[in-house]
């Protein structure tokens, strides 16, 4: 699994998840339920993960949608 995005923005995560689902790319949001541990403050970022084989295509889709992404780590 590769991390594509790390954010506290629940709306952005929902939108990105929908974009990827539309492209038939399975995405998993990790740390989604940590808000109950942190008191629902939204301090801990959520991580959006995709399968290694889908990572490059998912990054292209998100870049085309103008989603700010961190640089991909070198292989």
Protein backbone atom coordinates (compact mmCIF):
# COMPACT_ATOMS: atom_id res chain seq x y z
CA UNK A 1 0.00 0.00 0.00
CA UNK A 2 1.16 3.53 -0.79
CA UNK A 3 0.14 6.70 1.00
CA UNK A 4 -1.19 9.33 -1.39
CA UNK A 5 -2.48 11.95 0.98
CA UNK A 6 -2.36 12.89 4.66
CA UNK A 7 -4.87 15.49 5.81
CA UNK A 8 -7.24 16.63 8.55
CA UNK A 9 -9.78 17.78 5.95
CA UNK A 10 -12.64 15.26 6.04
CA UNK A 11 -14.36 16.88 3.04
CA UNK A 12 -11.21 16.61 0.91
CA UNK A 13 -10.78 12.96 1.91
CA UNK A 14 -14.38 12.20 0.99
CA UNK A 15 -14.03 13.92 -2.39
CA UNK A 16 -10.73 12.21 -3.21
CA UNK A 17 -12.16 8.84 -2.17
CA UNK A 18 -15.11 9.43 -4.55
CA UNK A 19 -12.77 10.41 -7.41
CA UNK A 20 -10.78 7.23 -6.97
CA UNK A 21 -13.86 5.03 -6.65
CA UNK A 22 -15.15 6.54 -9.90
CA UNK A 23 -11.86 5.43 -11.51
CA UNK A 24 -12.28 1.97 -9.96
CA UNK A 25 -9.30 2.43 -7.66
CA UNK A 26 -9.77 1.04 -4.18
CA UNK A 27 -8.65 3.51 -1.53
CA UNK A 28 -8.47 3.01 2.21
CA UNK A 29 -8.53 5.82 4.75
CA UNK A 30 -6.45 4.99 7.80
CA UNK A 31 -6.82 6.71 11.16
CA UNK A 32 -10.42 7.66 10.38
CA UNK A 33 -11.64 6.73 13.84
CA UNK A 34 -8.86 8.37 15.83
CA UNK A 35 -11.12 11.38 16.37
CA UNK A 36 -12.78 9.54 19.23
CA UNK A 37 -9.38 9.14 20.87
CA UNK A 38 -8.36 12.77 20.33
CA UNK A 39 -11.66 14.21 21.50
CA UNK A 40 -12.96 15.00 17.97
CA UNK A 41 -10.58 17.93 17.59
CA UNK A 42 -9.33 16.90 14.13
CA UNK A 43 -5.69 17.16 15.19
CA UNK A 44 -4.48 13.80 13.91
CA UNK A 45 -4.34 13.57 10.11
CA UNK A 46 -6.01 10.75 8.19
CA UNK A 47 -4.01 8.84 5.57
CA UNK A 48 -5.38 7.84 2.18
CA UNK A 49 -3.79 4.63 0.92
CA UNK A 50 -4.01 2.76 -2.40
CA UNK A 51 -2.56 -0.47 -3.74
CA UNK A 52 1.01 -0.17 -5.05
CA UNK A 53 -0.12 -1.07 -8.58
CA UNK A 54 -2.69 1.76 -8.60
CA UNK A 55 -0.53 4.48 -7.01
CA UNK A 56 0.78 6.16 -10.18
CA UNK A 57 -2.62 6.24 -11.87
CA UNK A 58 -4.26 7.52 -8.66
CA UNK A 59 -1.67 10.32 -8.38
CA UNK A 60 -2.37 11.36 -11.98
CA UNK A 61 -6.11 11.45 -11.32
CA UNK A 62 -5.65 13.58 -8.21
CA UNK A 63 -3.17 15.93 -9.90
CA UNK A 64 -5.62 16.41 -12.79
CA UNK A 65 -8.23 17.34 -10.16
CA UNK A 66 -5.76 19.86 -8.64
CA UNK A 67 -5.45 18.01 -5.34
CA UNK A 68 -2.18 19.09 -3.68
CA UNK A 69 -0.10 15.96 -3.19
CA UNK A 70 3.26 15.47 -1.52
CA UNK A 71 6.07 14.40 -3.81
CA UNK A 72 6.20 10.64 -4.31
CA UNK A 73 9.15 9.04 -2.53
CA UNK A 74 11.95 7.69 -4.69
CA UNK A 75 11.65 3.92 -5.31
